[in-house]
Structure formats: structure tokens, C-alpha cells
C-alpha atoms as a PDB file:
ATOM      1  CA  MET A   1      -2.471  -6.131  16.993  1.00  0.00           C
ATOM      2  CA  ALA A   2      -4.591  -8.093  19.135  1.00  0.00           C
ATOM      3  CA  SER A   3      -3.913 -12.092  18.208  1.00  0.00           C
ATOM      4  CA  ALA A   4      -7.141 -13.173  16.396  1.00  0.00           C
ATOM      5  CA  ASN A   5      -8.893 -14.978  19.480  1.00  0.00           C
ATOM      6  CA  SER A   6      -8.326 -13.372  22.268  1.00  0.00           C
ATOM      7  CA  SER A   7      -8.230  -9.356  23.500  1.00  0.00           C
ATOM      8  CA  HIS A   8      -4.260  -9.428  24.429  1.00  0.00           C
ATOM      9  CA  LEU A   9      -1.592  -8.243  22.165  1.00  0.00           C
ATOM     10  CA  SER A  10      -0.075 -11.193  20.434  1.00  0.00           C
ATOM     11  CA  GLU A  11       3.540 -12.742  21.883  1.00  0.00           C
ATOM     12  CA  LYS A  12       4.276 -12.865  17.861  1.00  0.00           C
ATOM     13  CA  ALA A  13       3.068  -8.956  17.355  1.00  0.00           C
ATOM     14  CA  VAL A  14       5.550  -7.873  20.395  1.00  0.00           C
ATOM     15  CA  SER A  15       8.382  -9.580  19.356  1.00  0.00           C
ATOM     16  CA  GLY A  16       7.688  -9.586  15.592  1.00  0.00           C
ATOM     17  CA  PHE A  17       7.493  -5.418  15.873  1.00  0.00           C
ATOM     18  CA  ALA A  18      10.276  -4.585  18.471  1.00  0.00           C
ATOM     19  CA  LYS A  19      12.306  -3.002  16.310  1.00  0.00           C
ATOM     20  CA  ALA A  20      10.091  -0.454  15.708  1.00  0.00           C
ATOM     21  CA  ASP A  21      12.734   2.221  14.194  1.00  0.00           C
ATOM     22  CA  LEU A  22      13.192  -0.053  11.328  1.00  0.00           C
ATOM     23  CA  TYR A  23       9.561  -0.415  10.459  1.00  0.00           C
ATOM     24  CA  GLU A  24       9.363   3.201  10.667  1.00  0.00           C
ATOM     25  CA  GLU A  25      12.410   3.356   8.348  1.00  0.00           C
ATOM     26  CA  HIS A  26      11.579   1.058   5.768  1.00  0.00           C
ATOM     27  CA  ARG A  27       7.470   0.886   5.434  1.00  0.00           C
ATOM     28  CA  PRO A  28       6.188   2.969   3.186  1.00  0.00           C
ATOM     29  CA  SER A  29       3.454   5.511   3.659  1.00  0.00           C
ATOM     30  CA  TYR A  30      -0.429   4.940   1.366  1.00  0.00           C
ATOM     31  CA  PRO A  31      -0.977   6.050  -2.139  1.00  0.00           C
ATOM     32  CA  GLN A  32      -2.953   9.475  -1.906  1.00  0.00           C
ATOM     33  CA  GLN A  33      -5.550   7.927  -4.199  1.00  0.00           C
ATOM     34  CA  ALA A  34      -6.057   5.099  -2.172  1.00  0.00           C
ATOM     35  CA  VAL A  35      -6.257   7.228   1.007  1.00  0.00           C
ATOM     36  CA  ALA A  36      -8.791   9.322  -1.276  1.00  0.00           C
ATOM     37  CA  ILE A  37     -10.697   6.405  -1.759  1.00  0.00           C
ATOM     38  CA  LEU A  38     -11.051   5.200   1.528  1.00  0.00           C
ATOM     39  CA  LEU A  39     -12.172   8.793   3.057  1.00  0.00           C
ATOM     40  CA  ASP A  40     -14.446   8.946   0.101  1.00  0.00           C
ATOM     41  CA  ALA A  41     -15.983   5.396   1.384  1.00  0.00           C
ATOM     42  CA  ALA A  42     -15.821   6.455   4.561  1.00  0.00           C
ATOM     43  CA  ALA A  43     -17.916   9.423   4.252  1.00  0.00           C
ATOM     44  CA  VAL A  44     -15.636  12.137   6.011  1.00  0.00           C
ATOM     45  CA  ASN A  45     -13.711  13.602   2.858  1.00  0.00           C
ATOM     46  CA  GLY A  46     -14.362  17.578   3.159  1.00  0.00           C
ATOM     47  CA  TYR A  47     -15.791  16.489   6.664  1.00  0.00           C
ATOM     48  CA  LYS A  48     -14.253  19.209   9.244  1.00  0.00           C
ATOM     49  CA  GLY A  49     -13.554  17.912  12.338  1.00  0.00           C
ATOM     50  CA  ALA A  50     -14.765  14.722  11.914  1.00  0.00           C
ATOM     51  CA  ARG A  51     -13.769  12.192  15.123  1.00  0.00           C
ATOM     52  CA  LEU A  52     -11.403   9.352  13.533  1.00  0.00           C
ATOM     53  CA  VAL A  53     -10.171   6.323  15.494  1.00  0.00           C
ATOM     54  CA  ASP A  54      -7.005   4.883  13.675  1.00  0.00           C
ATOM     55  CA  LEU A  55      -6.691   1.799  15.623  1.00  0.00           C
ATOM     56  CA  ALA A  56      -3.545  -0.341  15.661  1.00  0.00           C
ATOM     57  CA  ALA A  57      -1.663   2.960  14.501  1.00  0.00           C
ATOM     58  CA  GLY A  58       1.709   1.519  14.729  1.00  0.00           C
ATOM     59  CA  THR A  59       4.225   4.001  14.311  1.00  0.00           C
ATOM     60  CA  GLY A  60       1.738   6.043  12.664  1.00  0.00           C
ATOM     61  CA  LYS A  61       2.262   5.840   8.723  1.00  0.00           C
ATOM     62  CA  PHE A  62      -1.320   6.367   8.163  1.00  0.00           C
ATOM     63  CA  THR A  63      -1.997   8.667  11.190  1.00  0.00           C
ATOM     64  CA  GLU A  64      -0.073  11.166   9.433  1.00  0.00           C
ATOM     65  CA  LEU A  65      -1.715  11.276   6.656  1.00  0.00           C
ATOM     66  CA  LEU A  66      -4.961  11.722   8.177  1.00  0.00           C
ATOM     67  CA  ALA A  67      -3.253  14.384  10.389  1.00  0.00           C
ATOM     68  CA  ALA A  68      -2.125  16.481   7.413  1.00  0.00           C
ATOM     69  CA  ARG A  69      -5.563  16.729   6.355  1.00  0.00           C
ATOM     70  CA  GLU A  70      -7.185  20.038   5.241  1.00  0.00           C
ATOM     71  CA  GLU A  71     -10.505  18.393   7.319  1.00  0.00           C
ATOM     72  CA  GLN A  72      -8.437  19.086  10.604  1.00  0.00           C
ATOM     73  CA  PHE A  73      -9.605  15.701  12.018  1.00  0.00           C
ATOM     74  CA  SER A  74      -9.763  14.474  15.991  1.00  0.00           C
ATOM     75  CA  ILE A  75      -7.680  11.696  15.595  1.00  0.00           C
ATOM     76  CA  ASN A  76      -7.464   8.955  18.348  1.00  0.00           C
ATOM     77  CA  ALA A  77      -4.169   6.981  17.219  1.00  0.00           C
ATOM     78  CA  VAL A  78      -4.420   3.526  19.187  1.00  0.00           C
ATOM     79  CA  GLU A  79      -1.536   1.701  19.833  1.00  0.00           C
ATOM     80  CA  PRO A  80      -0.828  -1.406  22.272  1.00  0.00           C
ATOM     81  CA  HIS A  81       2.652  -1.652  21.331  1.00  0.00           C
ATOM     82  CA  HIS A  82       4.726   0.320  23.711  1.00  0.00           C
ATOM     83  CA  GLU A  83       7.442   0.333  21.214  1.00  0.00           C
ATOM     84  CA  MET A  84       5.642   1.053  18.296  1.00  0.00           C
ATOM     85  CA  ARG A  85       3.121   3.865  20.349  1.00  0.00           C
ATOM     86  CA  LYS A  86       6.606   5.706  21.262  1.00  0.00           C
ATOM     87  CA  GLN A  87       7.493   6.199  17.661  1.00  0.00           C
ATOM     88  CA  LEU A  88       4.205   7.443  16.734  1.00  0.00           C
ATOM     89  CA  GLU A  89       3.987   9.771  20.231  1.00  0.00           C
ATOM     90  CA  GLN A  90       7.620  11.585  18.833  1.00  0.00           C
ATOM     91  CA  LYS A  91       5.914  12.758  15.929  1.00  0.00           C
ATOM     92  CA  ALA A  92       3.344  14.908  18.027  1.00  0.00           C
ATOM     93  CA  LEU A  93       1.105  15.238  15.349  1.00  0.00           C
ATOM     94  CA  ASN A  94      -1.257  18.130  15.136  1.00  0.00           C
ATOM     95  CA  ASN A  95      -4.999  17.011  16.491  1.00  0.00           C
ATOM     96  CA  VAL A  96      -3.903  13.311  17.189  1.00  0.00           C
ATOM     97  CA  THR A  97      -4.243  11.467  20.579  1.00  0.00           C
ATOM     98  CA  VAL A  98      -2.089   8.295  20.994  1.00  0.00           C
ATOM     99  CA  THR A  99      -3.774   5.833  23.577  1.00  0.00           C
ATOM    100  CA  ASP A 100      -2.751   2.623  24.782  1.00  0.00           C
ATOM    101  CA  GLY A 101      -5.724   0.128  23.912  1.00  0.00           C
ATOM    102  CA  LEU A 102      -6.918  -2.920  21.887  1.00  0.00           C
ATOM    103  CA  SER A 103      -9.474  -3.747  19.196  1.00  0.00           C
ATOM    104  CA  THR A 104     -11.511  -5.014  22.045  1.00  0.00           C
ATOM    105  CA  ALA A 105     -11.040  -1.970  23.989  1.00  0.00           C
ATOM    106  CA  ILE A 106     -10.880   1.091  22.394  1.00  0.00           C
ATOM    107  CA  PRO A 107     -10.656   4.194  24.708  1.00  0.00           C
ATOM    108  CA  GLU A 108     -13.877   6.069  23.153  1.00  0.00           C
ATOM    109  CA  GLU A 109     -17.513   6.777  24.510  1.00  0.00           C
ATOM    110  CA  THR A 110     -20.071   4.339  22.421  1.00  0.00           C
ATOM    111  CA  GLU A 111     -21.308   6.073  19.410  1.00  0.00           C
ATOM    112  CA  SER A 112     -18.887   8.757  19.563  1.00  0.00           C
ATOM    113  CA  VAL A 113     -16.757   8.222  16.194  1.00  0.00           C
ATOM    114  CA  ASP A 114     -17.394   9.117  12.834  1.00  0.00           C
ATOM    115  CA  ALA A 115     -15.175   6.215  11.170  1.00  0.00           C
ATOM    116  CA  VAL A 116     -12.467   3.602  12.610  1.00  0.00           C
ATOM    117  CA  PHE A 117      -9.612   3.023  10.294  1.00  0.00           C
ATOM    118  CA  ALA A 118      -7.562  -0.054  10.797  1.00  0.00           C
ATOM    119  CA  ALA A 119      -4.177   0.179   8.297  1.00  0.00           C
ATOM    120  CA  GLN A 120      -1.851  -2.662   7.555  1.00  0.00           C
ATOM    121  CA  ALA A 121      -3.766  -4.418  10.933  1.00  0.00           C
ATOM    122  CA  PHE A 122      -7.224  -5.751  10.951  1.00  0.00           C
ATOM    123  CA  HIS A 123      -5.775  -9.370  10.133  1.00  0.00           C
ATOM    124  CA  TRP A 124      -4.373  -9.474  13.367  1.00  0.00           C
ATOM    125  CA  PHE A 125      -7.596  -8.905  15.193  1.00  0.00           C
ATOM    126  CA  ALA A 126     -10.388  -9.985  12.574  1.00  0.00           C
ATOM    127  CA  ASN A 127     -12.474 -11.477  15.443  1.00  0.00           C
ATOM    128  CA  GLU A 128     -15.876 -11.058  17.006  1.00  0.00           C
ATOM    129  CA  GLY A 129     -15.274  -9.489  19.916  1.00  0.00           C
ATOM    130  CA  SER A 130     -13.387  -6.773  17.617  1.00  0.00           C
ATOM    131  CA  LEU A 131     -16.006  -6.122  15.182  1.00  0.00           C
ATOM    132  CA  LYS A 132     -18.255  -5.836  18.198  1.00  0.00           C
ATOM    133  CA  GLU A 133     -16.127  -3.259  19.708  1.00  0.00           C
ATOM    134  CA  ILE A 134     -15.660  -1.132  16.697  1.00  0.00           C
ATOM    135  CA  HIS A 135     -19.534  -1.119  16.235  1.00  0.00           C
ATOM    136  CA  ARG A 136     -19.690   0.115  19.864  1.00  0.00           C
ATOM    137  CA  VAL A 137     -17.697   3.284  19.147  1.00  0.00           C
ATOM    138  CA  LEU A 138     -19.090   3.885  15.639  1.00  0.00           C
ATOM    139  CA  LYS A 139     -21.906   6.910  15.408  1.00  0.00           C
ATOM    140  CA  PRO A 140     -25.103   4.812  13.507  1.00  0.00           C
ATOM    141  CA  VAL A 141     -24.101   5.595  10.360  1.00  0.00           C
ATOM    142  CA  GLY A 142     -20.076   5.182  10.982  1.00  0.00           C
ATOM    143  CA  VAL A 143     -17.679   3.178   8.538  1.00  0.00           C
ATOM    144  CA  PHE A 144     -14.987   1.143   9.241  1.00  0.00           C
ATOM    145  CA  GLY A 145     -12.350   0.843   6.703  1.00  0.00           C
ATOM    146  CA  MET A 146      -9.207  -1.405   6.287  1.00  0.00           C
ATOM    147  CA  ILE A 147      -6.393  -0.422   4.084  1.00  0.00           C
ATOM    148  CA  TRP A 148      -3.442  -2.518   3.286  1.00  0.00           C
ATOM    149  CA  ASN A 149       0.222  -2.019   1.683  1.00  0.00           C
ATOM    150  CA  ALA A 150       0.871  -5.533  -0.031  1.00  0.00           C
ATOM    151  CA  GLU A 151       4.061  -5.866  -2.118  1.00  0.00           C
ATOM    152  CA  ASP A 152       3.395  -9.118  -4.360  1.00  0.00           C
ATOM    153  CA  TYR A 153       5.742 -10.803  -2.798  1.00  0.00           C
ATOM    154  CA  ASN A 154       3.464 -10.722   0.375  1.00  0.00           C
ATOM    155  CA  THR A 155       0.313 -11.205  -1.243  1.00  0.00           C
ATOM    156  CA  PRO A 156      -2.341 -13.891  -0.754  1.00  0.00           C
ATOM    157  CA  ARG A 157      -2.214 -16.992  -2.973  1.00  0.00           C
ATOM    158  CA  SER A 158      -4.471 -16.162  -5.084  1.00  0.00           C
ATOM    159  CA  TYR A 159      -3.439 -12.318  -5.942  1.00  0.00           C
ATOM    160  CA  SER A 160      -1.119 -12.723  -9.452  1.00  0.00           C
ATOM    161  CA  THR A 161       2.689 -11.621  -9.249  1.00  0.00           C
ATOM    162  CA  THR A 162       4.712  -9.488 -11.638  1.00  0.00           C
ATOM    163  CA  SER A 163       7.751 -11.047 -11.882  1.00  0.00           C
ATOM    164  CA  SER A 164       9.063 -14.814 -11.238  1.00  0.00           C
ATOM    165  CA  TRP A 165      11.291 -13.417  -8.528  1.00  0.00           C
ATOM    166  CA  GLU A 166       8.454 -12.045  -6.167  1.00  0.00           C
ATOM    167  CA  ALA A 167       6.521 -15.383  -6.604  1.00  0.00           C
ATOM    168  CA  GLN A 168       9.798 -17.403  -5.494  1.00  0.00           C
ATOM    169  CA  LEU A 169      10.099 -14.792  -2.584  1.00  0.00           C
ATOM    170  CA  ARG A 170       6.398 -15.161  -1.622  1.00  0.00           C
ATOM    171  CA  ASP A 171       6.345 -18.853  -1.614  1.00  0.00           C
ATOM    172  CA  HIS A 172       9.520 -18.749   1.291  1.00  0.00           C
ATOM    173  CA  LEU A 173       7.442 -16.423   3.169  1.00  0.00           C
ATOM    174  CA  PHE A 174       4.678 -18.918   3.330  1.00  0.00           C
ATOM    175  CA  SER A 175       6.950 -21.759   4.101  1.00  0.00           C
ATOM    176  CA  LEU A 176       8.262 -19.636   6.955  1.00  0.00           C
ATOM    177  CA  ASP A 177       4.500 -20.542   8.602  1.00  0.00           C
ATOM    178  CA  ASP A 178       5.993 -24.328   9.142  1.00  0.00           C
ATOM    179  CA  VAL A 179       9.583 -23.085   9.737  1.00  0.00           C
ATOM    180  CA  ILE A 180       9.316 -21.311  12.895  1.00  0.00           C
ATOM    181  CA  ASP A 181       6.064 -22.523  13.776  1.00  0.00           C
ATOM    182  CA  ASP A 182       4.279 -19.227  13.444  1.00  0.00           C
ATOM    183  CA  HIS A 183       0.988 -19.637  11.999  1.00  0.00           C
ATOM    184  CA  GLN A 184      -0.387 -16.183  12.655  1.00  0.00           C
ATOM    185  CA  PRO A 185      -3.021 -14.696  10.877  1.00  0.00           C
ATOM    186  CA  ARG A 186      -1.401 -12.284   8.363  1.00  0.00           C
ATOM    187  CA  PHE A 187      -2.835 -10.518   5.345  1.00  0.00           C
ATOM    188  CA  ARG A 188      -1.442 -12.830   3.035  1.00  0.00           C
ATOM    189  CA  HIS A 189      -3.439 -15.700   4.366  1.00  0.00           C
ATOM    190  CA  ASP A 190      -6.551 -13.614   3.379  1.00  0.00           C
ATOM    191  CA  ARG A 191      -8.636 -14.787   6.356  1.00  0.00           C
ATOM    192  CA  TRP A 192      -9.559 -11.465   7.747  1.00  0.00           C
ATOM    193  CA  ARG A 193     -13.009 -11.129   5.376  1.00  0.00           C
ATOM    194  CA  GLY A 194     -14.003 -14.394   7.538  1.00  0.00           C
ATOM    195  CA  VAL A 195     -15.222 -12.603  10.408  1.00  0.00           C
ATOM    196  CA  PHE A 196     -17.852 -10.392   8.423  1.00  0.00           C
ATOM    197  CA  ASP A 197     -18.804 -13.233   6.484  1.00  0.00           C
ATOM    198  CA  GLU A 198     -19.670 -15.184   9.918  1.00  0.00           C
ATOM    199  CA  GLN A 199     -21.916 -12.944  10.465  1.00  0.00           C
ATOM    200  CA  LEU A 200     -24.511 -13.948   8.435  1.00  0.00           C
ATOM    201  CA  SER A 201     -24.017 -17.650   9.509  1.00  0.00           C
ATOM    202  CA  SER A 202     -24.599 -16.881  13.394  1.00  0.00           C
ATOM    203  CA  THR A 203     -27.750 -14.731  12.495  1.00  0.00           C
ATOM    204  CA  PRO A 204     -30.970 -17.020  13.536  1.00  0.00           C
ATOM    205  CA  ILE A 205     -33.593 -17.891  11.165  1.00  0.00           C
ATOM    206  CA  THR A 206     -36.255 -16.612  13.688  1.00  0.00           C
ATOM    207  CA  ALA A 207     -34.407 -13.566  14.050  1.00  0.00           C
ATOM    208  CA  ALA A 208     -34.120 -12.809  10.530  1.00  0.00           C
ATOM    209  CA  LEU A 209     -38.409 -13.838  10.441  1.00  0.00           C
ATOM    210  CA  VAL A 210     -38.911 -10.811  12.281  1.00  0.00           C
ATOM    211  CA  GLY A 211     -36.610  -8.235  10.503  1.00  0.00           C
ATOM    212  CA  LYS A 212     -33.547  -8.447  12.756  1.00  0.00           C
ATOM    213  CA  THR A 213     -30.295 -10.046  12.477  1.00  0.00           C
ATOM    214  CA  ASN A 214     -27.492 -10.319  14.525  1.00  0.00           C
ATOM    215  CA  SER A 215     -24.870  -8.504  11.764  1.00  0.00           C
ATOM    216  CA  LEU A 216     -22.918  -5.684  12.833  1.00  0.00           C
ATOM    217  CA  PHE A 217     -21.860  -4.469   9.309  1.00  0.00           C
ATOM    218  CA  SER A 218     -23.125  -4.325   6.099  1.00  0.00           C
ATOM    219  CA  LEU A 219     -22.378  -6.902   3.061  1.00  0.00           C
ATOM    220  CA  PRO A 220     -20.893  -7.022   0.824  1.00  0.00           C
ATOM    221  CA  LEU A 221     -17.687  -5.269   1.565  1.00  0.00           C
ATOM    222  CA  GLY A 222     -16.560  -2.233  -0.366  1.00  0.00           C
ATOM    223  CA  GLU A 223     -13.164  -3.045  -2.222  1.00  0.00           C
ATOM    224  CA  GLN A 224     -10.967  -1.736  -4.227  1.00  0.00           C
ATOM    225  CA  GLN A 225      -7.392  -2.007  -4.865  1.00  0.00           C
ATOM    226  CA  VAL A 226      -4.512   0.613  -6.760  1.00  0.00           C
ATOM    227  CA  LYS A 227      -1.448  -0.832  -7.922  1.00  0.00           C
ATOM    228  CA  TRP A 228       2.116   0.545  -7.891  1.00  0.00           C
ATOM    229  CA  THR A 229       5.862   0.231  -8.367  1.00  0.00           C
ATOM    230  CA  VAL A 230       8.298   1.408  -6.196  1.00  0.00           C
ATOM    231  CA  TRP A 231      12.243   1.247  -7.325  1.00  0.00           C
ATOM    232  CA  LEU A 232      14.470   0.355  -4.221  1.00  0.00           C
ATOM    233  CA  GLU A 233      18.259  -0.626  -3.808  1.00  0.00           C
ATOM    234  CA  GLN A 234      18.448  -4.142  -3.057  1.00  0.00           C
ATOM    235  CA  GLU A 235      19.559  -3.605   0.562  1.00  0.00           C
ATOM    236  CA  ALA A 236      16.780  -1.324   1.100  1.00  0.00           C
ATOM    237  CA  LEU A 237      14.382  -4.171  -0.508  1.00  0.00           C
ATOM    238  CA  TRP A 238      16.088  -6.388   2.239  1.00  0.00           C
ATOM    239  CA  GLN A 239      15.619  -4.068   5.373  1.00  0.00           C
ATOM    240  CA  ARG A 240      11.874  -3.607   4.030  1.00  0.00           C
ATOM    241  CA  LEU A 241      11.490  -7.217   3.856  1.00  0.00           C
ATOM    242  CA  ARG A 242      13.102  -7.785   7.304  1.00  0.00           C
ATOM    243  CA  THR A 243      10.250  -5.128   8.847  1.00  0.00           C
ATOM    244  CA  LEU A 244       7.671  -8.486   8.224  1.00  0.00           C
ATOM    245  CA  SER A 245       6.819  -9.211  11.930  1.00  0.00           C
ATOM    246  CA  HIS A 246       7.329 -13.523  10.740  1.00  0.00           C
ATOM    247  CA  VAL A 247      10.874 -12.463   9.175  1.00  0.00           C
ATOM    248  CA  ALA A 248      12.066 -10.053  11.776  1.00  0.00           C
ATOM    249  CA  VAL A 249      12.311 -12.878  14.533  1.00  0.00           C
ATOM    250  CA  LEU A 250      14.620 -14.757  12.329  1.00  0.00           C
ATOM    251  CA  GLU A 251      17.425 -15.724  13.710  1.00  0.00           C
ATOM    252  CA  GLY A 252      21.004 -17.970  12.784  1.00  0.00           C
ATOM    253  CA  GLU A 253      20.034 -20.607   9.913  1.00  0.00           C
ATOM    254  CA  ASN A 254      16.869 -19.417   9.489  1.00  0.00           C
ATOM    255  CA  LEU A 255      17.570 -15.812   8.970  1.00  0.00           C
ATOM    256  CA  GLU A 256      20.903 -16.920   6.539  1.00  0.00           C
ATOM    257  CA  LYS A 257      18.654 -19.305   4.464  1.00  0.00           C
ATOM    258  CA  THR A 258      15.907 -16.386   3.939  1.00  0.00           C
ATOM    259  CA  ARG A 259      18.918 -14.279   2.920  1.00  0.00           C
ATOM    260  CA  GLN A 260      20.186 -16.649   0.639  1.00  0.00           C
ATOM    261  CA  ILE A 261      16.962 -17.267  -0.880  1.00  0.00           C
ATOM    262  CA  PHE A 262      16.116 -13.365  -1.645  1.00  0.00           C
ATOM    263  CA  ASP A 263      19.881 -12.810  -3.159  1.00  0.00           C
ATOM    264  CA  ALA A 264      18.912 -16.165  -5.477  1.00  0.00           C
ATOM    265  CA  ALA A 265      15.492 -14.670  -6.393  1.00  0.00           C
ATOM    266  CA  LEU A 266      17.132 -11.460  -7.143  1.00  0.00           C
ATOM    267  CA  SER A 267      19.604 -12.502  -9.613  1.00  0.00           C
ATOM    268  CA  GLY A 268      17.189 -13.972 -11.623  1.00  0.00           C
ATOM    269  CA  GLY A 269      16.565 -12.659 -15.363  1.00  0.00           C
ATOM    270  CA  ASP A 270      13.565 -11.124 -14.978  1.00  0.00           C
ATOM    271  CA  VAL A 271      14.773  -8.533 -11.853  1.00  0.00           C
ATOM    272  CA  GLN A 272      14.255  -5.203 -13.639  1.00  0.00           C
ATOM    273  CA  ARG A 273      16.269  -2.683 -12.626  1.00  0.00           C
ATOM    274  CA  ASN A 274      16.872   1.684 -13.512  1.00  0.00           C
ATOM    275  CA  ASP A 275      20.069   2.874 -14.218  1.00  0.00           C
ATOM    276  CA  LYS A 276      20.532   3.321 -10.476  1.00  0.00           C
ATOM    277  CA  GLY A 277      20.579  -0.516 -10.353  1.00  0.00           C
ATOM    278  CA  GLU A 278      17.500  -0.086  -8.020  1.00  0.00           C
ATOM    279  CA  ILE A 279      15.006  -3.137  -8.242  1.00  0.00           C
ATOM    280  CA  ALA A 280      11.457  -2.677  -9.547  1.00  0.00           C
ATOM    281  CA  VAL A 281       9.218  -3.863  -6.703  1.00  0.00           C
ATOM    282  CA  HIS A 282       5.264  -4.369  -7.562  1.00  0.00           C
ATOM    283  CA  GLY A 283       2.763  -4.502  -5.363  1.00  0.00           C
ATOM    284  CA  SER A 284      -0.807  -2.897  -4.559  1.00  0.00           C
ATOM    285  CA  THR A 285      -2.697  -1.056  -1.912  1.00  0.00           C
ATOM    286  CA  VAL A 286      -6.125  -2.749  -0.843  1.00  0.00           C
ATOM    287  CA  ILE A 287      -8.804  -0.839   0.299  1.00  0.00           C
ATOM    288  CA  ALA A 288     -12.178  -2.175   2.124  1.00  0.00           C
ATOM    289  CA  TRP A 289     -14.844  -0.670   3.762  1.00  0.00           C
ATOM    290  CA  SER A 290     -18.180  -1.427   5.691  1.00  0.00           C
ATOM    291  CA  SER A 291     -20.924   0.607   7.073  1.00  0.00           C
ATOM    292  CA  LYS A 292     -22.615  -0.144  10.783  1.00  0.00           C
ATOM    293  CA  ILE A 293     -25.588  -1.759  10.941  1.00  0.00           C
ATOM    294  CA  PRO A 294     -27.256   0.438  13.727  1.00  0.00           C
END
């Protein structure tokens, strides 16, 4: 969770994820289908003892899934946020070492890692310095994989929403950028791909003529999505929303207004509820990957 243009942990990330226990309680895990797609893409599905880095591992939502695999991966869960790292350490997962580190300072030897994964995180550090460091630790045939859970209300504007309440809530989340002067690069801004595209624009023509480039990772990116629906009580949905870093920092009138908009959106006619009164929340898991260019 380093900031997009620096080699230190963003202050917005420090404050936004301070309530790591709530993040752990209310953020979802990842669909098994999506995990399988990513492990296949990284060529570590069935690879016994593969050396993996879970970069910006947070409280370990994705780390847990890796640790439970039959392959008995050797996992370095790298997390710079103290409170998030504390939550992860308390899980005492098998074959997992929890370390303090950044996307620009990964505690691994050069070319020692089979795959690097970033779950719910790469948008925070989508910069050249991070790509260079990930490239450094990967073996010559290593893969960098990214995965995000994204509820419809927290997706880029180019994504369709299943219902009007989710669209209304998404509009409000975008408006918060100006309300709290928070213009951090989040997944819904859809800017993370830019750092891969910049490889092409930064490649000198003269280098290309002799068969060499400055590119670190192959293009185009591999990408897939897995759609899903979960059912949540309204208060549980509110608590999940509150785990978003730019919502977690809201106070006073801004927090009250967000709650009012949330409640109003969920009073609309297209809110689907089951017999328990739980709300259908739609979303997708987005998977992307790229191979290291030696």
C-alpha cells in the first residue's frame, strides 16, 4: 500500500486501514474459481513448494487461500501497515512468513520467487519503481498476478452496474474524492494499467532496432472476471462499505451524509431482498497477470 509516486506507505492508507479488525471482519474472501484462474496463469497450480510473495497482503484474505492449498507453497506475506500486519500475524498460517516491506523494497533475493501476487492492492503502488522491484525478485519465467474483489458500487465508471442503487452509491463514492480532498489512486479509478502501457512509450526506438526494450512485463495483460452475488443485511453492507479507506476516514457531516445517501439508495424499488431481508450485492473478481521479460 505504498503511494503511487513514492517509496513509502501512503498516509491515506495508514489512516484508511487503521481499523484492521473491521477490515478483517467485513471484507470478503476470493472465489475459488478466481483463485484457480490466477494460479493457472502464474504456472504454480500443482507446483509443490513454489516460492510466492503476497505483496501488500493486508490482513491475509488472499494469503489464507494460498496457505490452505495442497501445494504447500512457501509464502512471504509482505505488509507495511502495522495494524494490518498484526492481524495477519495472529493467524499463524502454515508455511507463511509475515514480513514488513514495501512494493519498492521486497525482502527477497534477486530471481528467487516463482510468482508475486497483489490482492486488492496494486492500484496503491502502480508505479515504475514497484514494477522494477517485482521484476527483480521474480525468476526469469516468473509471473506477476493481481486480483481484486469489486462490488458494483466500487467499480470503474466503465463497468456496468446491476441495479440503480449500486450506481447511485458508486456516484457518491466518486464524489468523495473532492469532498475529503482524497485523490489517491484506487481500483475504481482504473489507472493501474497505465504503468504497464508506459513500458512501451518509454522504450527507445534505437533499443527496439537492436532487439532490446526497456519493458519489464509482457503485454497485453491477461485478464478475466468472475461475477458473483452475496446476500448481506443492510447494516452488514454498511460495515463493508465502511472498510473502504476513503469511507473509513469520514467523520461528522460527511459520514452522516454518506449514511443518508446509503439508506436512501437502499429504499429504492430495484433493491432485491430475500426472505431474511438480506440485500443482493453484486460484484466481480477481477484477475490480471503478466509474465516477466528476462
